[in-house]
Amino acid sequence: MPYAPQIKIPATYMRGGTSKGVFFKLSDLPEAAQQPGVARDQLLLRVIGSPDPYEKQIDGMGAATSSTSKTVILSKSDSPEHDVDYLFGQVSIDKPFVDWSGNCGNLSAAVGPFAIANGLVDPARIPENGVVEVRIWQANIHKTIVSRVPISNGEVQETGDFELDGVTFPAAEIPVAFMDPADGEGAIFPTGNLIDQLDVPGVGILKATLINAGIPTVFINAADIGYTGTELQEAINGDSKALKMFETIRAHGAVLMGLISDISEAANRQHTPKVAFVGPPADYLSSSGKSVKAADIDLVVRALSMGKLHHAMMGTAAVAIAAAAAIEGTLVNLAAGGGKLNAVTFGHPSGSLRVGAEANLIEGRWHIEQAVMSRSARVLMEGWVRIPDDSF
């Protein structure tokens, strides 16, 4: 019997921050996948190698973690206020769906470099040497991201001496600003409260800060669930009971935030919200063996992504941390010592990260103008990805 041939699609494999994914220009996708829908989702699933019941993604570009099962579609923006439109797809590893409900803050750092290298930014705006500001429209969440990309000899500078915990090698620094990161029309706290009481079956009543900034996130105190906030991946990901508890917390938080109407819907919304636990600063050894000192950080944070403890920190969750820390009275702010905080350095499993945000109370509602952090990005491979022609 005849079998479908493989087709090849222009693509770039990039690292952005502590994530990596497959980047496409919208115009390079097969026509059926240039519009949102089943064909696009099926194509991206096949590219990444999902769904994979073995949870290895051997037959695709994914690497079987939430940080590497990612896709990005970029196009030149029609808006005069933006250079590029950025669409992010979080591909499930073991289930047949792509989650379009949120952004990837880490891969946001790679959008500017890709856009410049692929002609999506006006060449007249690119200096021979210096920095070009790339204004990005994040199409998933309808927000603006401003990336400052270094340029050397007319091309994106990728190498440098900027070190990012969670990334092995240094690279060029790319400051990224997430403008007005609150979800919706400034609804930073969907319940209107800085701290809610979250009633979780099998766990009890937990204090929780539910925030929509960068990405919807449920923050809880580490001590309230028997942790310190200094745990590494193996302490959580090897404990099926703990993972079930965190997913239950996440699901109930999602209902209270109005993201879903029933906890049964959480299984089909894995990317958002995130769940994170916080604690006061403490000494610990990071996953690389690097010593993190309590004196050098303001708090510790651990966050779960796609059902597993993240190896570092999701960029969008870092935005949520920055926003919550800047607002007096949230669990994040209190863990960092409370008071007026415009920037914090938090400890995560791979080390530490400094983030900043400015919070203002306007007409009774909290507003975050922007949240800022530095990341790095690099092209790992470019050319074509191949998939069977009958995949989508």
Protein backbone atom coordinates (compact mmCIF):
# COMPACT_ATOMS: atom_id res chain seq x y z
CA MET A 1 0.00 0.00 0.00
CA PRO A 2 1.22 3.55 -0.72
CA TYR A 3 2.39 5.75 2.13
CA ALA A 4 2.38 9.52 2.34
CA PRO A 5 5.75 11.14 1.68
CA GLN A 6 7.36 13.49 4.14
CA ILE A 7 7.16 17.21 3.57
CA LYS A 8 9.63 19.77 4.82
CA ILE A 9 8.75 23.08 6.43
CA PRO A 10 11.22 25.95 7.03
CA ALA A 11 11.84 26.23 10.78
CA THR A 12 14.34 27.41 13.37
CA TYR A 13 15.09 25.65 16.64
CA MET A 14 15.83 28.31 19.26
CA ARG A 15 16.59 28.67 22.91
CA GLY A 16 14.98 31.59 24.68
CA GLY A 17 15.76 32.00 28.38
CA THR A 18 15.45 28.58 30.02
CA SER A 19 13.15 27.19 27.31
CA LYS A 20 13.55 26.11 23.71
CA GLY A 21 11.12 25.54 20.89
CA VAL A 22 10.48 25.35 17.16
CA PHE A 23 9.93 28.74 15.49
CA PHE A 24 8.03 29.24 12.24
CA LYS A 25 7.19 32.17 10.01
CA LEU A 26 3.44 32.07 9.46
CA SER A 27 3.90 32.37 5.70
CA ASP A 28 6.15 29.27 5.67
CA LEU A 29 3.48 26.99 7.11
CA PRO A 30 1.37 24.86 4.74
CA GLU A 31 -1.73 26.79 3.72
CA ALA A 32 -4.08 24.63 5.80
CA ALA A 33 -2.06 25.47 8.92
CA GLN A 34 -1.84 29.22 8.34
CA GLN A 35 -5.17 29.61 10.12
CA PRO A 36 -5.94 28.50 13.69
CA GLY A 37 -7.72 25.18 13.91
CA VAL A 38 -7.35 21.42 13.78
CA ALA A 39 -4.84 21.34 10.90
CA ARG A 40 -2.46 23.73 12.64
CA ASP A 41 -2.68 21.85 15.94
CA GLN A 42 -2.11 18.48 14.29
CA LEU A 43 0.89 19.79 12.38
CA LEU A 44 2.52 21.18 15.53
CA LEU A 45 1.78 18.01 17.50
CA ARG A 46 3.54 15.95 14.82
CA VAL A 47 6.50 18.33 14.68
CA ILE A 48 7.04 18.09 18.44
CA GLY A 49 6.30 14.35 18.61
CA SER A 50 3.03 14.30 20.52
CA PRO A 51 0.94 12.69 21.83
CA ASP A 52 3.51 10.23 23.13
CA PRO A 53 2.30 7.64 25.67
CA TYR A 54 5.97 6.96 26.48
CA GLU A 55 6.36 10.68 27.37
CA LYS A 56 9.73 10.90 25.57
CA GLN A 57 8.82 12.66 22.26
CA ILE A 58 11.46 10.53 20.53
CA ASP A 59 9.77 10.93 17.13
CA GLY A 60 9.76 14.73 17.18
CA MET A 61 11.54 17.91 18.17
CA GLY A 62 10.30 18.00 21.75
CA ALA A 63 12.42 16.89 24.67
CA ALA A 64 9.67 15.61 26.97
CA THR A 65 9.54 18.57 29.37
CA SER A 66 7.23 21.56 29.60
CA SER A 67 10.26 23.79 28.86
CA THR A 68 10.96 22.12 25.53
CA SER A 69 7.54 21.08 24.19
CA LYS A 70 6.93 24.49 22.64
CA THR A 71 6.16 26.10 19.29
CA VAL A 72 6.12 29.69 18.06
CA ILE A 73 4.51 31.23 14.98
CA LEU A 74 5.61 34.73 13.94
CA SER A 75 4.46 37.17 11.29
CA LYS A 76 5.06 40.80 10.39
CA SER A 77 2.56 42.90 12.31
CA ASP A 78 -0.11 44.93 10.55
CA SER A 79 -0.13 47.31 13.51
CA PRO A 80 2.04 50.43 13.16
CA GLU A 81 2.79 50.17 16.88
CA HIS A 82 4.33 46.69 16.60
CA ASP A 83 6.98 45.00 14.51
CA VAL A 84 5.91 41.38 14.85
CA ASP A 85 2.94 39.28 15.94
CA TYR A 86 3.91 36.41 18.23
CA LEU A 87 1.73 33.34 18.77
CA PHE A 88 2.81 30.68 21.26
CA GLY A 89 1.63 27.07 21.38
CA GLN A 90 2.37 24.88 24.41
CA VAL A 91 2.24 21.31 23.11
CA SER A 92 1.03 18.62 25.48
CA ILE A 93 3.47 15.74 25.78
CA ASP A 94 1.10 12.81 26.27
CA LYS A 95 -2.23 14.24 25.10
CA PRO A 96 -3.37 15.35 21.64
CA PHE A 97 -3.77 19.08 22.19
CA VAL A 98 -1.98 22.39 21.89
CA ASP A 99 -2.70 24.97 24.60
CA TRP A 100 -3.00 28.52 23.23
CA SER A 101 -4.20 30.09 26.49
CA GLY A 102 -0.99 31.84 27.54
CA ASN A 103 2.44 33.14 26.67
CA CYS A 104 5.97 31.77 27.16
CA GLY A 105 8.01 34.50 28.80
CA ASN A 106 11.30 32.71 28.19
CA LEU A 107 10.75 32.24 24.46
CA SER A 108 9.67 35.89 24.30
CA ALA A 109 13.40 36.69 24.45
CA ALA A 110 13.98 34.77 21.21
CA VAL A 111 11.17 36.49 19.28
CA GLY A 112 13.13 39.71 18.62
CA PRO A 113 16.26 37.95 17.35
CA PHE A 114 14.21 35.65 15.10
CA ALA A 115 12.17 38.57 13.76
CA ILE A 116 15.30 40.56 12.89
CA ALA A 117 17.07 37.61 11.26
CA ASN A 118 14.01 36.68 9.20
CA GLY A 119 13.09 40.08 7.79
CA LEU A 120 10.12 40.80 10.04
CA VAL A 121 11.67 44.03 11.34
CA ASP A 122 12.23 47.01 9.02
CA PRO A 123 15.94 46.83 8.03
CA ALA A 124 16.13 50.63 8.24
CA ARG A 125 15.64 50.35 12.02
CA ILE A 126 18.57 47.98 12.52
CA PRO A 127 21.89 49.72 13.34
CA GLU A 128 25.26 48.44 12.24
CA ASN A 129 26.20 48.25 15.90
CA GLY A 130 24.06 48.96 18.94
CA VAL A 131 20.62 47.91 20.13
CA VAL A 132 17.31 47.67 18.30
CA GLU A 133 14.04 47.84 20.19
CA VAL A 134 11.60 45.24 18.86
CA ARG A 135 7.96 45.82 19.74
CA ILE A 136 6.12 42.52 19.90
CA TRP A 137 2.38 41.89 19.91
CA GLN A 138 1.73 38.79 22.01
CA ALA A 139 -1.33 37.42 20.20
CA ASN A 140 -2.30 34.81 22.83
CA ILE A 141 -2.85 37.35 25.60
CA HIS A 142 -3.14 40.59 23.56
CA LYS A 143 -0.23 42.34 25.25
CA THR A 144 2.85 44.27 24.16
CA ILE A 145 6.38 43.03 24.86
CA VAL A 146 9.40 45.23 24.21
CA SER A 147 12.68 43.45 23.58
CA ARG A 148 16.06 45.21 23.30
CA VAL A 149 18.20 43.10 20.98
CA PRO A 150 21.97 43.74 20.67
CA ILE A 151 23.31 44.13 17.14
CA SER A 152 26.91 43.60 16.00
CA ASN A 153 28.04 44.20 12.41
CA GLY A 154 24.44 44.49 11.29
CA GLU A 155 23.39 41.11 12.69
CA VAL A 156 21.91 39.84 15.94
CA GLN A 157 24.61 39.39 18.56
CA GLU A 158 24.05 36.02 20.23
CA THR A 159 27.28 35.44 22.12
CA GLY A 160 28.24 37.38 25.23
CA ASP A 161 29.05 37.14 28.93
CA PHE A 162 25.54 37.33 30.40
CA GLU A 163 24.91 34.35 32.67
CA LEU A 164 21.40 33.08 33.34
CA ASP A 165 20.87 30.45 36.02
CA GLY A 166 19.29 27.41 34.37
CA VAL A 167 21.29 27.92 31.15
CA THR A 168 24.72 26.29 30.97
CA PHE A 169 26.59 28.75 28.76
CA PRO A 170 26.75 32.57 28.75
CA ALA A 171 25.26 34.59 25.90
CA ALA A 172 24.27 38.13 24.98
CA GLU A 173 21.89 39.86 27.38
CA ILE A 174 18.40 40.72 26.09
CA PRO A 175 16.31 42.92 28.42
CA VAL A 176 12.61 42.14 27.99
CA ALA A 177 9.78 44.37 29.22
CA PHE A 178 6.27 43.00 29.56
CA MET A 179 4.00 46.02 29.22
CA ASP A 180 0.79 46.26 31.29
CA PRO A 181 1.06 42.53 32.05
CA ALA A 182 -2.26 42.20 33.87
CA ASP A 183 -4.80 39.97 32.19
CA GLY A 184 -7.80 41.74 30.67
CA GLU A 185 -8.54 45.35 31.51
CA GLY A 186 -6.17 45.68 34.45
CA ALA A 187 -7.83 42.84 36.40
CA ILE A 188 -4.69 41.87 38.28
CA PHE A 189 -6.67 40.18 41.06
CA PRO A 190 -9.68 38.38 39.56
CA THR A 191 -11.34 37.96 42.97
CA GLY A 192 -10.53 41.49 44.07
CA ASN A 193 -8.50 40.16 47.00
CA LEU A 194 -4.77 40.18 47.67
CA ILE A 195 -5.17 36.94 49.62
CA ASP A 196 -7.99 34.42 49.25
CA GLN A 197 -9.00 31.34 51.19
CA LEU A 198 -8.72 28.38 48.84
CA ASP A 199 -10.63 25.31 50.00
CA VAL A 200 -8.86 22.29 48.53
CA PRO A 201 -10.23 18.77 49.10
CA GLY A 202 -7.69 16.56 50.83
CA VAL A 203 -5.53 19.56 51.69
CA GLY A 204 -7.74 21.96 53.60
CA ILE A 205 -8.07 25.72 53.49
CA LEU A 206 -4.99 27.46 52.10
CA LYS A 207 -4.10 31.10 51.88
CA ALA A 208 -3.58 31.97 48.22
CA THR A 209 -2.72 35.00 46.11
CA LEU A 210 -4.48 34.63 42.76
CA ILE A 211 -2.96 37.00 40.22
CA ASN A 212 -3.26 37.65 36.50
CA ALA A 213 0.03 39.23 35.50
CA GLY A 214 2.31 37.70 32.91
CA ILE A 215 0.33 34.50 33.30
CA PRO A 216 -2.50 33.56 35.67
CA THR A 217 -0.79 32.17 38.77
CA VAL A 218 -1.87 30.66 42.08
CA PHE A 219 0.66 31.48 44.82
CA ILE A 220 0.58 29.59 48.12
CA ASN A 221 2.89 29.46 51.14
CA ALA A 222 5.39 26.60 51.06
CA ALA A 223 5.05 26.04 54.81
CA ASP A 224 1.28 25.57 54.52
CA ILE A 225 1.78 22.44 52.40
CA GLY A 226 4.78 21.05 54.24
CA TYR A 227 7.60 22.45 52.10
CA THR A 228 10.36 25.02 52.57
CA GLY A 229 10.49 26.45 49.07
CA THR A 230 14.06 25.20 48.58
CA GLU A 231 13.03 21.87 46.99
CA LEU A 232 14.57 20.68 43.73
CA GLN A 233 12.79 18.82 40.96
CA GLU A 234 13.32 15.29 42.26
CA ALA A 235 11.67 16.12 45.57
CA ILE A 236 8.41 16.97 43.80
CA ASN A 237 8.39 15.25 40.43
CA GLY A 238 9.16 11.85 41.91
CA ASP A 239 6.23 12.13 44.32
CA SER A 240 2.95 11.24 42.61
CA LYS A 241 0.95 12.21 45.70
CA ALA A 242 2.53 15.69 45.70
CA LEU A 243 1.88 16.16 41.98
CA LYS A 244 -1.75 15.19 42.44
CA MET A 245 -2.04 17.67 45.33
CA PHE A 246 -0.59 20.51 43.25
CA GLU A 247 -2.89 19.74 40.34
CA THR A 248 -5.88 19.77 42.70
CA ILE A 249 -4.77 23.14 44.08
CA ARG A 250 -4.28 24.45 40.53
CA ALA A 251 -7.72 23.27 39.42
CA HIS A 252 -9.53 24.83 42.37
CA GLY A 253 -7.55 28.03 41.92
CA ALA A 254 -8.56 28.12 38.25
CA VAL A 255 -12.24 27.93 39.21
CA LEU A 256 -11.90 30.73 41.76
CA MET A 257 -10.07 32.85 39.18
CA GLY A 258 -12.90 32.34 36.71
CA LEU A 259 -10.67 30.62 34.15
CA ILE A 260 -12.82 27.48 34.16
CA SER A 261 -16.31 26.80 35.47
CA ASP A 262 -15.63 23.32 36.84
CA ILE A 263 -12.49 21.54 38.04
CA SER A 264 -13.04 18.83 35.41
CA GLU A 265 -12.07 21.40 32.76
CA ALA A 266 -8.57 21.84 34.20
CA ALA A 267 -7.23 18.78 32.40
CA ASN A 268 -7.77 20.54 29.07
CA ARG A 269 -6.14 23.76 30.28
CA GLN A 270 -2.74 22.55 31.42
CA HIS A 271 -0.74 25.67 30.53
CA THR A 272 -2.72 28.06 32.72
CA PRO A 273 -2.96 28.86 35.53
CA LYS A 274 0.41 28.08 37.04
CA VAL A 275 0.75 27.08 40.69
CA ALA A 276 3.74 28.24 42.74
CA PHE A 277 4.80 28.11 46.38
CA VAL A 278 6.85 30.74 48.16
CA GLY A 279 8.90 31.09 51.30
CA PRO A 280 11.34 33.43 53.02
CA PRO A 281 14.98 33.47 51.86
CA ALA A 282 17.00 30.39 52.77
CA ASP A 283 20.34 28.77 51.96
CA TYR A 284 20.28 25.82 49.55
CA LEU A 285 22.24 24.09 46.80
CA SER A 286 20.83 24.60 43.31
CA SER A 287 20.42 21.74 40.84
CA SER A 288 23.88 22.50 39.40
CA GLY A 289 25.49 22.36 42.85
CA LYS A 290 25.81 26.14 43.02
CA SER A 291 25.28 27.55 46.50
CA VAL A 292 22.41 30.00 46.84
CA LYS A 293 22.72 32.15 49.95
CA ALA A 294 19.77 33.55 51.85
CA ALA A 295 21.63 36.85 52.13
CA ASP A 296 21.66 37.19 48.33
CA ILE A 297 17.94 36.66 47.69
CA ASP A 298 14.67 38.14 48.91
CA LEU A 299 12.56 34.99 48.82
CA VAL A 300 12.38 31.47 47.38
CA VAL A 301 9.85 30.39 44.77
CA ARG A 302 9.08 27.05 43.18
CA ALA A 303 6.60 26.78 40.30
CA LEU A 304 4.96 23.93 38.44
CA SER A 305 4.41 23.88 34.69
CA MET A 306 2.37 21.28 32.82
CA GLY A 307 2.11 19.19 35.98
CA LYS A 308 5.79 19.11 36.95
CA LEU A 309 8.12 21.30 39.00
CA HIS A 310 9.99 23.60 36.62
CA HIS A 311 13.78 23.27 36.50
CA ALA A 312 14.20 27.05 36.85
CA MET A 313 11.38 29.59 36.46
CA MET A 314 8.96 30.25 33.63
CA GLY A 315 9.40 33.77 32.29
CA THR A 316 5.72 34.56 32.56
CA ALA A 317 5.65 33.29 36.15
CA ALA A 318 8.64 35.54 36.85
CA VAL A 319 6.47 38.44 35.65
CA ALA A 320 3.75 37.29 38.07
CA ILE A 321 6.34 37.15 40.87
CA ALA A 322 7.55 40.67 40.06
CA ALA A 323 4.00 42.03 40.01
CA ALA A 324 2.91 40.28 43.21
CA ALA A 325 6.08 41.30 45.05
CA ALA A 326 5.46 44.95 44.12
CA ILE A 327 1.99 44.94 45.69
CA GLU A 328 2.05 45.17 49.48
CA GLY A 329 0.15 42.40 51.26
CA THR A 330 0.33 39.55 48.74
CA LEU A 331 1.88 36.26 49.82
CA VAL A 332 4.83 36.93 47.51
CA ASN A 333 5.37 40.40 48.97
CA LEU A 334 5.13 39.07 52.53
CA ALA A 335 7.58 36.23 51.82
CA ALA A 336 10.03 38.86 50.58
CA GLY A 337 9.70 40.80 53.82
CA GLY A 338 6.76 43.05 52.95
CA GLY A 339 6.65 46.77 52.29
CA LYS A 340 7.31 48.71 49.10
CA LEU A 341 9.34 46.57 46.69
CA ASN A 342 10.18 47.65 43.14
CA ALA A 343 12.47 44.68 42.47
CA VAL A 344 13.23 41.33 44.05
CA THR A 345 15.76 38.56 43.59
CA PHE A 346 14.19 35.15 44.09
CA GLY A 347 15.75 31.73 44.43
CA HIS A 348 14.58 28.96 42.09
CA PRO A 349 15.80 25.37 41.56
CA SER A 350 18.61 26.41 39.19
CA GLY A 351 19.77 29.52 41.02
CA SER A 352 18.36 33.02 41.27
CA LEU A 353 16.77 35.73 39.11
CA ARG A 354 16.18 39.45 39.61
CA VAL A 355 12.90 40.91 38.36
CA GLY A 356 11.36 44.34 38.70
CA ALA A 357 7.93 45.94 38.51
CA GLU A 358 6.30 49.20 39.51
CA ALA A 359 2.82 48.96 41.06
CA ASN A 360 0.32 51.79 41.40
CA LEU A 361 -3.13 51.86 42.96
CA ILE A 362 -5.38 53.80 40.58
CA GLU A 363 -9.04 54.36 41.41
CA GLY A 364 -9.02 51.39 43.73
CA ARG A 365 -7.40 48.96 41.28
CA TRP A 366 -3.80 47.86 41.11
CA HIS A 367 -1.95 48.60 37.90
CA ILE A 368 1.46 47.36 36.72
CA GLU A 369 2.96 49.51 33.96
CA GLN A 370 5.62 46.98 33.07
CA ALA A 371 7.63 44.09 34.44
CA VAL A 372 11.26 43.77 33.37
CA MET A 373 13.83 41.00 33.37
CA SER A 374 16.92 40.04 31.39
CA ARG A 375 17.15 36.83 29.39
CA SER A 376 19.25 35.54 26.50
CA ALA A 377 18.52 33.66 23.29
CA ARG A 378 20.35 31.70 20.63
CA VAL A 379 19.67 29.87 17.38
CA LEU A 380 20.40 26.18 17.91
CA MET A 381 19.56 24.91 14.42
CA GLU A 382 17.85 26.19 11.31
CA GLY A 383 16.61 24.62 8.12
CA TRP A 384 13.50 22.44 7.78
CA VAL A 385 11.47 20.14 9.95
CA ARG A 386 9.97 17.10 8.25
CA ILE A 387 6.63 15.45 8.95
CA PRO A 388 4.48 12.96 7.01
CA ASP A 389 2.21 14.74 4.54
CA ASP A 390 -0.90 13.12 6.04
CA SER A 391 -0.20 14.41 9.58
CA PHE A 392 -2.63 17.32 9.37
